[in-house]
């Protein structure tokens, strides 16, 4: 098991990068790694209630699905 710290600086203005980071955090957690997520700059808005609800990448990935998984799995989130 490895330890990962993801730092996300993109928010609603860049749904591709925001959702991709959240997806990678989810995958690392699913693989059994210790994972932490740090939100800074524009990504801070994602920590607000409902902040990920309308963040959808052109690929169809939505940030809310990933964020709900991270919350459910109690992944530490730093803002």
N, C-alpha and C. Protein backbone atom coordinates (compact mmCIF):
# COMPACT_ATOMS: atom_id res chain seq x y z
N UNK A 1 0.84 -1.18 0.00
CA UNK A 1 0.00 0.00 0.00
C UNK A 1 0.88 1.24 0.00
N UNK A 2 0.56 2.16 -0.88
CA UNK A 2 1.30 3.42 -0.99
C UNK A 2 0.45 4.56 -0.43
N UNK A 3 1.09 5.69 -0.23
CA UNK A 3 0.39 6.89 0.23
C UNK A 3 0.40 7.91 -0.92
N UNK A 4 -0.75 8.53 -1.15
CA UNK A 4 -0.87 9.52 -2.20
C UNK A 4 -1.48 10.80 -1.66
N UNK A 5 -0.94 11.93 -2.08
CA UNK A 5 -1.54 13.24 -1.83
C UNK A 5 -1.81 13.86 -3.19
N UNK A 6 -3.07 14.05 -3.49
CA UNK A 6 -3.47 14.70 -4.74
C UNK A 6 -3.76 16.16 -4.44
N UNK A 7 -3.27 17.05 -5.29
CA UNK A 7 -3.54 18.49 -5.15
C UNK A 7 -4.31 18.93 -6.38
N UNK A 8 -5.52 19.38 -6.15
CA UNK A 8 -6.39 19.81 -7.25
C UNK A 8 -6.53 21.33 -7.19
N UNK A 9 -6.18 21.99 -8.30
CA UNK A 9 -6.28 23.45 -8.37
C UNK A 9 -7.39 23.90 -9.32
N UNK A 10 -7.99 22.98 -10.05
CA UNK A 10 -9.02 23.33 -11.03
C UNK A 10 -10.40 23.05 -10.47
N UNK A 11 -11.35 23.89 -10.85
CA UNK A 11 -12.71 23.73 -10.35
C UNK A 11 -13.71 23.69 -11.48
N UNK A 12 -14.79 24.44 -11.32
CA UNK A 12 -15.88 24.41 -12.29
C UNK A 12 -15.47 24.96 -13.66
N UNK A 13 -14.42 25.77 -13.70
CA UNK A 13 -13.98 26.36 -14.98
C UNK A 13 -13.26 25.35 -15.86
N UNK A 14 -12.85 24.23 -15.30
CA UNK A 14 -12.11 23.21 -16.06
C UNK A 14 -12.60 21.82 -15.65
N UNK A 15 -13.80 21.44 -16.09
CA UNK A 15 -14.38 20.18 -15.65
C UNK A 15 -13.56 18.95 -16.05
N UNK A 16 -12.82 19.03 -17.15
CA UNK A 16 -11.99 17.88 -17.57
C UNK A 16 -10.92 17.57 -16.53
N UNK A 17 -10.16 18.57 -16.15
CA UNK A 17 -9.08 18.34 -15.19
C UNK A 17 -9.62 18.05 -13.79
N UNK A 18 -10.69 18.72 -13.42
CA UNK A 18 -11.27 18.50 -12.09
C UNK A 18 -11.78 17.06 -11.95
N UNK A 19 -12.55 16.61 -12.93
CA UNK A 19 -13.09 15.25 -12.83
C UNK A 19 -11.99 14.21 -12.95
N UNK A 20 -10.98 14.46 -13.77
CA UNK A 20 -9.90 13.48 -13.94
C UNK A 20 -9.15 13.29 -12.64
N UNK A 21 -8.87 14.37 -11.93
CA UNK A 21 -8.18 14.25 -10.65
C UNK A 21 -9.02 13.46 -9.66
N UNK A 22 -10.30 13.79 -9.56
CA UNK A 22 -11.17 13.08 -8.64
C UNK A 22 -11.27 11.59 -9.00
N UNK A 23 -11.26 11.31 -10.29
CA UNK A 23 -11.28 9.92 -10.73
C UNK A 23 -10.02 9.18 -10.29
N UNK A 24 -8.86 9.82 -10.41
CA UNK A 24 -7.61 9.20 -10.01
C UNK A 24 -7.56 8.96 -8.51
N UNK A 25 -8.11 9.89 -7.74
CA UNK A 25 -8.19 9.71 -6.29
C UNK A 25 -9.05 8.49 -5.98
N UNK A 26 -10.17 8.38 -6.66
CA UNK A 26 -11.08 7.25 -6.46
C UNK A 26 -10.39 5.92 -6.80
N UNK A 27 -9.71 5.88 -7.91
CA UNK A 27 -9.02 4.65 -8.33
C UNK A 27 -7.96 4.25 -7.30
N UNK A 28 -7.18 5.21 -6.84
CA UNK A 28 -6.15 4.91 -5.85
C UNK A 28 -6.77 4.37 -4.57
N UNK A 29 -7.88 4.95 -4.14
CA UNK A 29 -8.57 4.48 -2.93
C UNK A 29 -9.10 3.07 -3.14
N UNK A 30 -9.69 2.82 -4.29
CA UNK A 30 -10.22 1.49 -4.60
C UNK A 30 -9.13 0.43 -4.62
N UNK A 31 -7.92 0.84 -4.98
CA UNK A 31 -6.79 -0.09 -5.02
C UNK A 31 -6.18 -0.32 -3.64
N UNK A 32 -6.74 0.33 -2.62
CA UNK A 32 -6.31 0.10 -1.26
C UNK A 32 -5.21 1.01 -0.75
N UNK A 33 -4.92 2.06 -1.49
CA UNK A 33 -3.87 2.99 -1.07
C UNK A 33 -4.42 4.02 -0.08
N UNK A 34 -3.54 4.60 0.71
CA UNK A 34 -3.90 5.70 1.60
C UNK A 34 -3.90 6.97 0.75
N UNK A 35 -5.02 7.66 0.74
CA UNK A 35 -5.20 8.78 -0.18
C UNK A 35 -5.67 10.02 0.58
N UNK A 36 -5.13 11.17 0.21
CA UNK A 36 -5.55 12.46 0.73
C UNK A 36 -5.74 13.39 -0.47
N UNK A 37 -6.71 14.30 -0.35
CA UNK A 37 -6.99 15.26 -1.43
C UNK A 37 -6.94 16.67 -0.88
N UNK A 38 -6.15 17.51 -1.52
CA UNK A 38 -6.00 18.91 -1.12
C UNK A 38 -6.58 19.77 -2.23
N UNK A 39 -7.57 20.61 -1.89
CA UNK A 39 -8.18 21.53 -2.85
C UNK A 39 -7.64 22.92 -2.60
N UNK A 40 -7.17 23.55 -3.66
CA UNK A 40 -6.66 24.91 -3.56
C UNK A 40 -7.09 25.69 -4.80
N UNK A 41 -6.88 26.98 -4.78
CA UNK A 41 -7.23 27.88 -5.88
C UNK A 41 -8.70 27.68 -6.28
N UNK A 42 -8.97 27.47 -7.56
CA UNK A 42 -10.34 27.35 -8.06
C UNK A 42 -11.06 26.09 -7.56
N UNK A 43 -10.32 25.09 -7.16
CA UNK A 43 -10.93 23.83 -6.70
C UNK A 43 -11.64 23.97 -5.37
N UNK A 44 -11.37 25.05 -4.64
CA UNK A 44 -12.02 25.26 -3.34
C UNK A 44 -13.54 25.28 -3.50
N UNK A 45 -14.03 25.78 -4.62
CA UNK A 45 -15.48 25.85 -4.83
C UNK A 45 -16.12 24.46 -4.87
N UNK A 46 -15.34 23.43 -5.16
CA UNK A 46 -15.88 22.07 -5.20
C UNK A 46 -16.21 21.55 -3.81
N UNK A 47 -15.65 22.15 -2.78
CA UNK A 47 -15.89 21.70 -1.41
C UNK A 47 -17.21 22.21 -0.85
N UNK A 48 -17.79 23.19 -1.51
CA UNK A 48 -19.08 23.72 -1.05
C UNK A 48 -20.18 22.68 -1.30
N UNK A 49 -21.20 22.72 -0.49
CA UNK A 49 -22.33 21.82 -0.68
C UNK A 49 -22.91 22.05 -2.08
N UNK A 50 -23.00 21.01 -2.87
CA UNK A 50 -23.50 21.10 -4.24
C UNK A 50 -22.47 21.60 -5.24
N UNK A 51 -21.24 21.81 -4.80
CA UNK A 51 -20.20 22.37 -5.67
C UNK A 51 -19.79 21.48 -6.83
N UNK A 52 -20.05 20.19 -6.72
CA UNK A 52 -19.66 19.27 -7.79
C UNK A 52 -20.84 18.81 -8.64
N UNK A 53 -22.03 19.26 -8.30
CA UNK A 53 -23.24 18.74 -8.96
C UNK A 53 -23.29 18.98 -10.46
N UNK A 54 -22.80 20.10 -10.93
CA UNK A 54 -22.90 20.41 -12.36
C UNK A 54 -21.55 20.41 -13.06
N UNK A 55 -20.57 19.74 -12.48
CA UNK A 55 -19.24 19.67 -13.08
C UNK A 55 -19.15 18.35 -13.85
N UNK A 56 -19.32 18.46 -15.17
CA UNK A 56 -19.34 17.28 -16.03
C UNK A 56 -18.37 17.50 -17.18
N UNK A 57 -17.48 16.54 -17.37
CA UNK A 57 -16.51 16.60 -18.47
C UNK A 57 -17.18 16.17 -19.77
N UNK A 58 -16.63 16.57 -20.92
CA UNK A 58 -17.20 16.15 -22.21
C UNK A 58 -17.24 14.63 -22.37
N UNK A 59 -16.43 13.92 -21.61
CA UNK A 59 -16.42 12.45 -21.67
C UNK A 59 -17.61 11.84 -20.94
N UNK A 60 -18.35 12.68 -20.20
CA UNK A 60 -19.49 12.19 -19.44
C UNK A 60 -19.18 11.96 -17.97
N UNK A 61 -17.90 12.00 -17.61
CA UNK A 61 -17.52 11.85 -16.20
C UNK A 61 -18.06 13.04 -15.42
N UNK A 62 -18.68 12.74 -14.28
CA UNK A 62 -19.17 13.86 -13.47
C UNK A 62 -18.49 13.85 -12.11
N UNK A 63 -18.11 15.03 -11.68
CA UNK A 63 -17.36 15.20 -10.44
C UNK A 63 -18.16 14.77 -9.23
N UNK A 64 -19.47 14.92 -9.27
CA UNK A 64 -20.29 14.60 -8.11
C UNK A 64 -20.23 13.11 -7.76
N UNK A 65 -20.25 12.26 -8.76
CA UNK A 65 -20.15 10.81 -8.51
C UNK A 65 -18.86 10.48 -7.79
N UNK A 66 -17.76 11.05 -8.26
CA UNK A 66 -16.47 10.79 -7.63
C UNK A 66 -16.41 11.39 -6.22
N UNK A 67 -16.90 12.62 -6.06
CA UNK A 67 -16.84 13.26 -4.75
C UNK A 67 -17.69 12.51 -3.73
N UNK A 68 -18.85 12.03 -4.13
CA UNK A 68 -19.69 11.27 -3.21
C UNK A 68 -19.00 9.98 -2.77
N UNK A 69 -18.27 9.35 -3.67
CA UNK A 69 -17.49 8.16 -3.32
C UNK A 69 -16.42 8.52 -2.29
N UNK A 70 -15.71 9.61 -2.52
CA UNK A 70 -14.64 10.02 -1.60
C UNK A 70 -15.19 10.35 -0.22
N UNK A 71 -16.34 10.99 -0.17
CA UNK A 71 -16.98 11.30 1.11
C UNK A 71 -17.40 10.01 1.81
N UNK A 72 -18.03 9.12 1.06
CA UNK A 72 -18.48 7.85 1.62
C UNK A 72 -17.33 7.03 2.18
N UNK A 73 -16.18 7.07 1.49
CA UNK A 73 -15.00 6.32 1.90
C UNK A 73 -14.13 7.06 2.91
N UNK A 74 -14.59 8.26 3.30
CA UNK A 74 -13.89 9.08 4.31
C UNK A 74 -12.45 9.43 3.90
N UNK A 75 -12.28 9.74 2.62
CA UNK A 75 -10.98 10.22 2.14
C UNK A 75 -10.75 11.61 2.73
N UNK A 76 -9.64 11.85 3.41
CA UNK A 76 -9.38 13.18 3.97
C UNK A 76 -9.33 14.24 2.87
N UNK A 77 -10.06 15.31 3.08
CA UNK A 77 -10.17 16.40 2.11
C UNK A 77 -9.73 17.68 2.82
N UNK A 78 -8.73 18.33 2.27
CA UNK A 78 -8.19 19.57 2.85
C UNK A 78 -8.49 20.72 1.92
N UNK A 79 -8.96 21.82 2.49
CA UNK A 79 -9.31 22.99 1.69
C UNK A 79 -8.52 24.18 2.20
